[in-house]
Each structure stands twice: as structure tokens, then as C-alpha cells.
Amino acid sequence: MEIDEIDKQILSILMENAKTPFTSIAEKIHVSGGTVHVRMKKLEDLGIVKGYNLTIDYKRLGYDVSAFLGIYLEKSSLYEDVTRQLKEIPEITGAHYTTGNYSIFAKIVCKDTDHLRMVLHDKIQRINGIQRTETFISLEESINRPVDIKKSEV
């Protein structure tokens, strides 16, 4: 199945605000609410829509430090095992298998630098297969948004 302009319009509206009711979307793009519902089910079945997330302001919850971690593996064949262990660390909010200097690039959210040090020392650096890490503390997040699929097309 392919996606069309209506699907893209639905996605664009929901990426702006995932709480937008299907009836409101239907009114904006001039289709029925049932059409939006059926289209969303199709997008889920295709794996385009994987789930629905909340965007949290971690600082307001007391997590003042965001950091990025470049992880060097002893061997690339250890990727799956290391990733499985990284998933068990709740402070890791994202991880990517990458090209370049690092095998894995991860995002970590912590309460403060002591908490970050503990996560690095007591959790991450104890994982077998990790050769070493390099940490980058974020001073400010200036952009955090989904891709605007309507504007990014060529």
C-alpha cells in the first residue's frame, strides 16, 4: 500500500499535536472522521505510525542534565548484546548504531552531574564489550521536532 496526500496531511497535523481529535483533522482536510480513523489504522498496519508519545520537559521533573555518549565497542559483533544491556538502563532515552568514530551514539537524561557520573561509571562502563566512551553534555536543546513531511519533499 502507498500513502497519499490525505495520509500526509493527517500525519502532519498529528505530528504537530498528537492529541488532535480525528473529527478536527477531518474538518481541516475535508474528509469524514471515519476516513481519518481508517487511514490511521492503515498507517499503523504499514508500520509508519509506531506509537504515540508524550514530549516531557525533564528539567521540570528534576532531570537537569542531558548528555550524548559516543560508545566504542571492542568488536562490532557485540552490538546486539551491548544494546540489549543498554536498554536496561532507564536514563538512556535513545541510542543509534552509527558510522564514524562511535559504534553507538546514545542520549542520557540525569538529575545532575553526580547522577550522570554514577550512570557512566556504575552502569554503562561495566557492560562487557564497551571499550570506552566519550561524553558530551548538552547545554541547551534548541530544536526538537518531527520532520515536516509536507515541506521536506523534493
N, C-alpha and C. Protein backbone atom coordinates (compact mmCIF):
# COMPACT_ATOMS: atom_id res chain seq x y z
N MET A 1 0.83 -1.19 0.00
CA MET A 1 0.00 0.00 0.00
C MET A 1 0.87 1.25 0.00
N GLU A 2 0.38 2.26 -0.64
CA GLU A 2 1.11 3.53 -0.67
C GLU A 2 0.37 4.57 0.15
N ILE A 3 1.10 5.60 0.56
CA ILE A 3 0.44 6.70 1.24
C ILE A 3 0.24 7.84 0.24
N ASP A 4 -0.82 8.59 0.44
CA ASP A 4 -1.14 9.68 -0.48
C ASP A 4 -1.16 11.01 0.28
N GLU A 5 -1.64 12.05 -0.40
CA GLU A 5 -1.66 13.39 0.20
C GLU A 5 -2.53 13.46 1.45
N ILE A 6 -3.65 12.75 1.45
CA ILE A 6 -4.52 12.76 2.63
C ILE A 6 -3.79 12.15 3.83
N ASP A 7 -3.11 11.02 3.59
CA ASP A 7 -2.32 10.40 4.67
C ASP A 7 -1.27 11.38 5.20
N LYS A 8 -0.59 12.06 4.30
CA LYS A 8 0.45 13.01 4.70
C LYS A 8 -0.13 14.19 5.48
N GLN A 9 -1.31 14.64 5.07
CA GLN A 9 -1.96 15.73 5.80
C GLN A 9 -2.33 15.29 7.22
N ILE A 10 -2.87 14.09 7.33
CA ILE A 10 -3.22 13.55 8.65
C ILE A 10 -1.98 13.47 9.53
N LEU A 11 -0.91 12.89 9.00
CA LEU A 11 0.35 12.76 9.75
C LEU A 11 0.89 14.12 10.16
N SER A 12 0.85 15.06 9.24
CA SER A 12 1.39 16.40 9.51
C SER A 12 0.65 17.05 10.68
N ILE A 13 -0.66 16.94 10.69
CA ILE A 13 -1.46 17.53 11.78
C ILE A 13 -1.15 16.83 13.09
N LEU A 14 -1.08 15.51 13.08
CA LEU A 14 -0.81 14.77 14.32
C LEU A 14 0.62 14.95 14.83
N MET A 15 1.56 15.17 13.93
CA MET A 15 2.93 15.42 14.37
C MET A 15 3.04 16.77 15.06
N GLU A 16 2.18 17.70 14.68
CA GLU A 16 2.13 19.00 15.35
C GLU A 16 1.51 18.87 16.74
N ASN A 17 0.43 18.08 16.82
CA ASN A 17 -0.25 17.86 18.10
C ASN A 17 -0.94 16.50 18.05
N ALA A 18 -0.34 15.50 18.70
CA ALA A 18 -0.85 14.13 18.65
C ALA A 18 -2.21 13.98 19.34
N LYS A 19 -2.62 14.99 20.09
CA LYS A 19 -3.91 14.93 20.78
C LYS A 19 -5.07 15.46 19.93
N THR A 20 -4.80 15.88 18.70
CA THR A 20 -5.85 16.41 17.84
C THR A 20 -6.89 15.32 17.56
N PRO A 21 -8.15 15.59 17.88
CA PRO A 21 -9.19 14.59 17.62
C PRO A 21 -9.35 14.33 16.12
N PHE A 22 -9.69 13.08 15.79
CA PHE A 22 -9.88 12.72 14.39
C PHE A 22 -10.95 13.58 13.74
N THR A 23 -11.98 13.97 14.49
CA THR A 23 -13.04 14.82 13.92
C THR A 23 -12.49 16.19 13.50
N SER A 24 -11.57 16.73 14.30
CA SER A 24 -10.95 18.03 13.96
C SER A 24 -10.07 17.90 12.73
N ILE A 25 -9.34 16.79 12.65
CA ILE A 25 -8.50 16.55 11.48
C ILE A 25 -9.38 16.45 10.24
N ALA A 26 -10.47 15.70 10.37
CA ALA A 26 -11.40 15.51 9.24
C ALA A 26 -11.92 16.85 8.73
N GLU A 27 -12.28 17.74 9.66
CA GLU A 27 -12.79 19.06 9.26
C GLU A 27 -11.71 19.85 8.52
N LYS A 28 -10.48 19.79 9.02
CA LYS A 28 -9.38 20.57 8.41
C LYS A 28 -9.07 20.12 6.99
N ILE A 29 -9.16 18.79 6.74
CA ILE A 29 -8.76 18.30 5.42
C ILE A 29 -9.96 17.87 4.56
N HIS A 30 -11.17 18.15 5.07
CA HIS A 30 -12.41 17.96 4.32
C HIS A 30 -12.68 16.49 3.95
N VAL A 31 -12.56 15.62 4.96
CA VAL A 31 -12.94 14.22 4.81
C VAL A 31 -13.78 13.85 6.05
N SER A 32 -14.29 12.63 6.09
CA SER A 32 -15.07 12.20 7.24
C SER A 32 -14.15 11.73 8.37
N GLY A 33 -14.69 11.75 9.58
CA GLY A 33 -13.94 11.22 10.72
C GLY A 33 -13.60 9.76 10.54
N GLY A 34 -14.52 9.00 9.92
CA GLY A 34 -14.27 7.59 9.64
C GLY A 34 -13.09 7.39 8.70
N THR A 35 -12.95 8.29 7.73
CA THR A 35 -11.82 8.22 6.80
C THR A 35 -10.50 8.40 7.55
N VAL A 36 -10.46 9.36 8.47
CA VAL A 36 -9.24 9.59 9.26
C VAL A 36 -8.93 8.34 10.08
N HIS A 37 -9.95 7.76 10.70
CA HIS A 37 -9.76 6.56 11.51
C HIS A 37 -9.20 5.41 10.67
N VAL A 38 -9.80 5.16 9.51
CA VAL A 38 -9.34 4.09 8.62
C VAL A 38 -7.92 4.35 8.14
N ARG A 39 -7.63 5.60 7.79
CA ARG A 39 -6.28 5.95 7.31
C ARG A 39 -5.25 5.73 8.41
N MET A 40 -5.59 6.11 9.64
CA MET A 40 -4.65 5.91 10.76
C MET A 40 -4.39 4.43 11.00
N LYS A 41 -5.42 3.62 10.91
CA LYS A 41 -5.26 2.17 11.07
C LYS A 41 -4.33 1.64 9.99
N LYS A 42 -4.50 2.11 8.75
CA LYS A 42 -3.63 1.70 7.64
C LYS A 42 -2.18 2.10 7.91
N LEU A 43 -1.97 3.33 8.40
CA LEU A 43 -0.62 3.82 8.68
C LEU A 43 0.03 3.02 9.81
N GLU A 44 -0.76 2.60 10.78
CA GLU A 44 -0.24 1.74 11.84
C GLU A 44 0.12 0.36 11.29
N ASP A 45 -0.77 -0.22 10.47
CA ASP A 45 -0.51 -1.54 9.89
C ASP A 45 0.72 -1.54 9.00
N LEU A 46 0.99 -0.41 8.32
CA LEU A 46 2.17 -0.30 7.47
C LEU A 46 3.45 -0.08 8.27
N GLY A 47 3.28 0.20 9.57
CA GLY A 47 4.46 0.46 10.42
C GLY A 47 4.96 1.88 10.31
N ILE A 48 4.22 2.75 9.65
CA ILE A 48 4.61 4.15 9.55
C ILE A 48 4.36 4.84 10.88
N VAL A 49 3.19 4.60 11.47
CA VAL A 49 2.90 5.08 12.82
C VAL A 49 3.22 3.94 13.77
N LYS A 50 4.22 4.14 14.61
CA LYS A 50 4.68 3.09 15.52
C LYS A 50 4.11 3.22 16.92
N GLY A 51 3.59 4.38 17.25
CA GLY A 51 3.05 4.58 18.59
C GLY A 51 2.79 6.05 18.81
N TYR A 52 2.38 6.35 20.01
CA TYR A 52 2.05 7.71 20.38
C TYR A 52 2.86 8.06 21.62
N ASN A 53 3.53 9.20 21.61
CA ASN A 53 4.44 9.57 22.68
C ASN A 53 4.08 10.91 23.29
N LEU A 54 4.48 11.06 24.54
CA LEU A 54 4.41 12.35 25.20
C LEU A 54 5.76 13.03 25.08
N THR A 55 5.77 14.33 24.93
CA THR A 55 7.01 15.08 24.98
C THR A 55 7.10 15.65 26.39
N ILE A 56 8.12 15.25 27.11
CA ILE A 56 8.27 15.60 28.52
C ILE A 56 9.37 16.64 28.68
N ASP A 57 9.14 17.63 29.52
CA ASP A 57 10.17 18.58 29.91
C ASP A 57 10.85 17.99 31.15
N TYR A 58 11.93 17.26 30.92
CA TYR A 58 12.61 16.55 32.01
C TYR A 58 13.13 17.50 33.09
N LYS A 59 13.52 18.70 32.71
CA LYS A 59 14.03 19.66 33.69
C LYS A 59 12.98 19.95 34.76
N ARG A 60 11.72 20.05 34.36
CA ARG A 60 10.65 20.32 35.31
C ARG A 60 10.42 19.14 36.27
N LEU A 61 10.94 17.98 35.89
CA LEU A 61 10.84 16.80 36.75
C LEU A 61 12.12 16.58 37.56
N GLY A 62 13.06 17.53 37.46
CA GLY A 62 14.29 17.43 38.24
C GLY A 62 15.46 16.79 37.53
N TYR A 63 15.32 16.52 36.24
CA TYR A 63 16.42 15.95 35.46
C TYR A 63 17.07 17.09 34.68
N ASP A 64 18.14 17.64 35.25
CA ASP A 64 18.74 18.86 34.71
C ASP A 64 19.87 18.64 33.71
N VAL A 65 20.32 17.40 33.53
CA VAL A 65 21.47 17.14 32.66
C VAL A 65 21.06 16.19 31.53
N SER A 66 21.26 16.66 30.31
CA SER A 66 21.15 15.80 29.13
C SER A 66 22.54 15.66 28.54
N ALA A 67 22.89 14.46 28.17
CA ALA A 67 24.22 14.23 27.61
C ALA A 67 24.12 13.25 26.45
N PHE A 68 25.10 13.33 25.58
CA PHE A 68 25.22 12.38 24.48
C PHE A 68 26.48 11.59 24.72
N LEU A 69 26.41 10.32 24.41
CA LEU A 69 27.51 9.41 24.72
C LEU A 69 27.93 8.66 23.47
N GLY A 70 29.18 8.87 23.06
CA GLY A 70 29.74 8.07 21.98
C GLY A 70 30.34 6.81 22.59
N ILE A 71 29.90 5.67 22.10
CA ILE A 71 30.34 4.39 22.66
C ILE A 71 31.18 3.65 21.63
N TYR A 72 32.39 3.30 22.04
CA TYR A 72 33.29 2.49 21.22
C TYR A 72 33.14 1.04 21.66
N LEU A 73 32.87 0.15 20.72
CA LEU A 73 32.77 -1.27 21.05
C LEU A 73 34.10 -1.96 20.77
N GLU A 74 34.38 -3.00 21.54
CA GLU A 74 35.59 -3.80 21.30
C GLU A 74 35.51 -4.45 19.92
N LYS A 75 34.30 -4.96 19.57
CA LYS A 75 34.05 -5.57 18.26
C LYS A 75 32.62 -5.22 17.86
N SER A 76 32.41 -4.95 16.58
CA SER A 76 31.06 -4.61 16.13
C SER A 76 30.09 -5.77 16.30
N SER A 77 30.60 -6.98 16.36
CA SER A 77 29.74 -8.15 16.55
C SER A 77 29.08 -8.15 17.93
N LEU A 78 29.52 -7.30 18.84
CA LEU A 78 28.95 -7.21 20.18
C LEU A 78 27.78 -6.24 20.25
N TYR A 79 27.44 -5.60 19.13
CA TYR A 79 26.41 -4.57 19.11
C TYR A 79 25.09 -5.02 19.74
N GLU A 80 24.56 -6.14 19.30
CA GLU A 80 23.24 -6.58 19.80
C GLU A 80 23.27 -6.86 21.29
N ASP A 81 24.32 -7.49 21.77
CA ASP A 81 24.43 -7.79 23.21
C ASP A 81 24.56 -6.51 24.03
N VAL A 82 25.39 -5.59 23.57
CA VAL A 82 25.57 -4.32 24.28
C VAL A 82 24.26 -3.53 24.26
N THR A 83 23.59 -3.48 23.12
CA THR A 83 22.33 -2.75 23.02
C THR A 83 21.29 -3.32 23.96
N ARG A 84 21.22 -4.64 24.06
CA ARG A 84 20.27 -5.27 24.97
C ARG A 84 20.52 -4.81 26.40
N GLN A 85 21.80 -4.69 26.79
CA GLN A 85 22.14 -4.24 28.14
C GLN A 85 21.88 -2.74 28.33
N LEU A 86 22.12 -1.95 27.29
CA LEU A 86 21.84 -0.51 27.37
C LEU A 86 20.35 -0.25 27.57
N LYS A 87 19.50 -1.09 26.97
CA LYS A 87 18.06 -0.93 27.11
C LYS A 87 17.60 -1.08 28.56
N GLU A 88 18.40 -1.73 29.38
CA GLU A 88 18.05 -1.94 30.79
C GLU A 88 18.37 -0.72 31.66
N ILE A 89 19.03 0.27 31.10
CA ILE A 89 19.41 1.47 31.84
C ILE A 89 18.36 2.55 31.58
N PRO A 90 17.54 2.88 32.58
CA PRO A 90 16.42 3.80 32.34
C PRO A 90 16.82 5.21 31.95
N GLU A 91 18.01 5.65 32.30
CA GLU A 91 18.45 7.01 31.97
C GLU A 91 18.79 7.17 30.49
N ILE A 92 18.97 6.07 29.77
CA ILE A 92 19.25 6.14 28.34
C ILE A 92 17.91 6.27 27.62
N THR A 93 17.72 7.41 26.95
CA THR A 93 16.43 7.68 26.29
C THR A 93 16.47 7.41 24.79
N GLY A 94 17.63 7.15 24.24
CA GLY A 94 17.75 6.85 22.82
C GLY A 94 19.14 6.35 22.51
N ALA A 95 19.25 5.53 21.48
CA ALA A 95 20.56 5.04 21.06
C ALA A 95 20.50 4.71 19.57
N HIS A 96 21.60 4.99 18.89
CA HIS A 96 21.69 4.77 17.45
C HIS A 96 22.97 4.01 17.12
N TYR A 97 22.87 3.04 16.22
CA TYR A 97 24.03 2.34 15.66
C TYR A 97 24.54 3.25 14.55
N THR A 98 25.79 3.68 14.62
CA THR A 98 26.25 4.72 13.71
C THR A 98 27.50 4.34 12.93
N THR A 99 27.76 5.14 11.90
CA THR A 99 29.04 5.07 11.19
C THR A 99 29.93 6.13 11.83
N GLY A 100 31.18 6.15 11.47
CA GLY A 100 32.07 7.17 12.01
C GLY A 100 32.84 6.66 13.21
N ASN A 101 33.18 7.58 14.11
CA ASN A 101 34.04 7.24 15.25
C ASN A 101 33.41 6.27 16.25
N TYR A 102 32.11 6.41 16.46
CA TYR A 102 31.45 5.62 17.50
C TYR A 102 30.64 4.50 16.89
N SER A 103 30.54 3.41 17.61
CA SER A 103 29.66 2.32 17.19
C SER A 103 28.22 2.66 17.54
N ILE A 104 28.04 3.25 18.73
CA ILE A 104 26.72 3.60 19.23
C ILE A 104 26.78 5.04 19.74
N PHE A 105 25.73 5.79 19.46
CA PHE A 105 25.60 7.15 19.98
C PHE A 105 24.31 7.19 20.76
N ALA A 106 24.38 7.51 22.06
CA ALA A 106 23.23 7.43 22.94
C ALA A 106 22.93 8.77 23.60
N LYS A 107 21.67 8.95 23.98
CA LYS A 107 21.26 10.13 24.74
C LYS A 107 20.92 9.67 26.15
N ILE A 108 21.40 10.44 27.12
CA ILE A 108 21.19 10.12 28.53
C ILE A 108 20.57 11.33 29.22
N VAL A 109 19.60 11.10 30.08
CA VAL A 109 18.99 12.16 30.87
C VAL A 109 19.20 11.82 32.35
N CYS A 110 19.80 12.77 33.10
CA CYS A 110 20.11 12.55 34.51
C CYS A 110 19.70 13.75 35.36
N LYS A 111 19.62 13.54 36.67
CA LYS A 111 19.22 14.62 37.57
C LYS A 111 20.30 15.68 37.70
N ASP A 112 21.56 15.26 37.75
CA ASP A 112 22.67 16.18 37.90
C ASP A 112 23.95 15.48 37.45
N THR A 113 25.08 16.16 37.57
CA THR A 113 26.33 15.55 37.10
C THR A 113 26.76 14.37 37.96
N ASP A 114 26.42 14.37 39.24
CA ASP A 114 26.73 13.20 40.07
C ASP A 114 25.95 11.97 39.59
N HIS A 115 24.70 12.18 39.25
CA HIS A 115 23.87 11.10 38.72
C HIS A 115 24.45 10.61 37.39
N LEU A 116 24.87 11.54 36.53
CA LEU A 116 25.48 11.17 35.25
C LEU A 116 26.74 10.35 35.48
N ARG A 117 27.58 10.80 36.40
CA ARG A 117 28.82 10.07 36.71
C ARG A 117 28.50 8.65 37.17
N MET A 118 27.48 8.50 38.02
CA MET A 118 27.10 7.19 38.51
C MET A 118 26.61 6.30 37.36
N VAL A 119 25.79 6.85 36.48
CA VAL A 119 25.30 6.07 35.34
C VAL A 119 26.46 5.62 34.47
N LEU A 120 27.37 6.53 34.19
CA LEU A 120 28.53 6.19 33.36
C LEU A 120 29.41 5.14 34.02
N HIS A 121 29.78 5.38 35.25
CA HIS A 121 30.73 4.51 35.96
C HIS A 121 30.11 3.18 36.39
N ASP A 122 28.94 3.25 37.00
CA ASP A 122 28.37 2.05 37.61
C ASP A 122 27.51 1.22 36.67
N LYS A 123 27.05 1.82 35.60
CA LYS A 123 26.17 1.07 34.70
C LYS A 123 26.78 0.85 33.31
N ILE A 124 27.07 1.94 32.61
CA ILE A 124 27.48 1.83 31.21
C ILE A 124 28.87 1.24 31.04
N GLN A 125 29.84 1.76 31.77
CA GLN A 125 31.22 1.31 31.57
C GLN A 125 31.49 -0.09 32.12
N ARG A 126 30.52 -0.66 32.79
CA ARG A 126 30.65 -2.04 33.28
C ARG A 126 30.12 -3.07 32.30
N ILE A 127 29.55 -2.61 31.20
CA ILE A 127 29.00 -3.52 30.20
C ILE A 127 30.13 -4.14 29.39
N ASN A 128 30.17 -5.47 29.37
CA ASN A 128 31.18 -6.18 28.58
C ASN A 128 31.00 -5.86 27.11
N GLY A 129 32.09 -5.55 26.44
CA GLY A 129 32.05 -5.21 25.03
C GLY A 129 32.24 -3.73 24.76
N ILE A 130 32.02 -2.90 25.78
CA ILE A 130 32.27 -1.47 25.61
C ILE A 130 33.73 -1.21 25.91
N GLN A 131 34.43 -0.72 24.92
CA GLN A 131 35.86 -0.44 25.06
C GLN A 131 36.08 0.86 25.82
N ARG A 132 35.36 1.93 25.39
CA ARG A 132 35.44 3.21 26.07
C ARG A 132 34.28 4.08 25.60
N THR A 133 34.10 5.20 26.29
CA THR A 133 33.01 6.12 25.95
C THR A 133 33.54 7.54 25.90
N GLU A 134 32.78 8.39 25.23
CA GLU A 134 33.09 9.81 25.20
C GLU A 134 31.78 10.55 25.44
N THR A 135 31.77 11.46 26.43
CA THR A 135 30.54 12.11 26.85
C THR A 135 30.51 13.58 26.43
N PHE A 136 29.33 14.00 25.95
CA PHE A 136 29.10 15.39 25.56
C PHE A 136 27.88 15.88 26.33
N ILE A 137 28.06 16.84 27.22
CA ILE A 137 26.93 17.38 27.98
C ILE A 137 26.26 18.47 27.14
N SER A 138 24.94 18.38 27.04
CA SER A 138 24.16 19.36 26.29
C SER A 138 23.93 20.59 27.16
N LEU A 139 24.23 21.75 26.62
CA LEU A 139 23.99 23.00 27.35
C LEU A 139 22.57 23.50 27.12
N GLU A 140 22.02 23.21 25.95
CA GLU A 140 20.67 23.65 25.62
C GLU A 140 20.18 22.89 24.40
N GLU A 141 18.92 22.49 24.41
CA GLU A 141 18.30 21.88 23.23
C GLU A 141 17.54 22.98 22.50
N SER A 142 17.96 23.29 21.30
CA SER A 142 17.32 24.39 20.58
C SER A 142 16.30 23.91 19.55
N ILE A 143 16.41 22.65 19.13
CA ILE A 143 15.46 22.10 18.17
C ILE A 143 15.11 20.68 18.60
N ASN A 144 13.83 20.40 18.69
CA ASN A 144 13.34 19.05 18.95
C ASN A 144 11.97 18.96 18.28
N ARG A 145 11.94 18.43 17.07
CA ARG A 145 10.70 18.40 16.31
C ARG A 145 10.71 17.22 15.35
N PRO A 146 9.53 16.85 14.89
CA PRO A 146 9.47 15.83 13.84
C PRO A 146 9.80 16.46 12.49
N VAL A 147 10.09 15.64 11.52
CA VAL A 147 10.31 16.13 10.16
C VAL A 147 8.98 16.62 9.62
N ASP A 148 8.96 17.80 9.03
CA ASP A 148 7.75 18.32 8.40
C ASP A 148 7.65 17.68 7.02
N ILE A 149 6.87 16.62 6.93
CA ILE A 149 6.84 15.84 5.68
C ILE A 149 6.22 16.60 4.52
N LYS A 150 5.47 17.65 4.82
CA LYS A 150 4.88 18.46 3.74
C LYS A 150 5.90 19.42 3.15
N LYS A 151 6.83 19.92 3.96
CA LYS A 151 7.81 20.91 3.49
C LYS A 151 9.13 20.29 3.04
N SER A 152 9.42 19.05 3.48
CA SER A 152 10.73 18.49 3.18
C SER A 152 10.77 17.70 1.89
N GLU A 153 9.67 17.60 1.20
CA GLU A 153 9.65 16.84 -0.05
C GLU A 153 10.36 17.59 -1.16
N VAL A 154 10.99 16.84 -2.02
CA VAL A 154 11.70 17.41 -3.16
C VAL A 154 10.83 17.42 -4.37
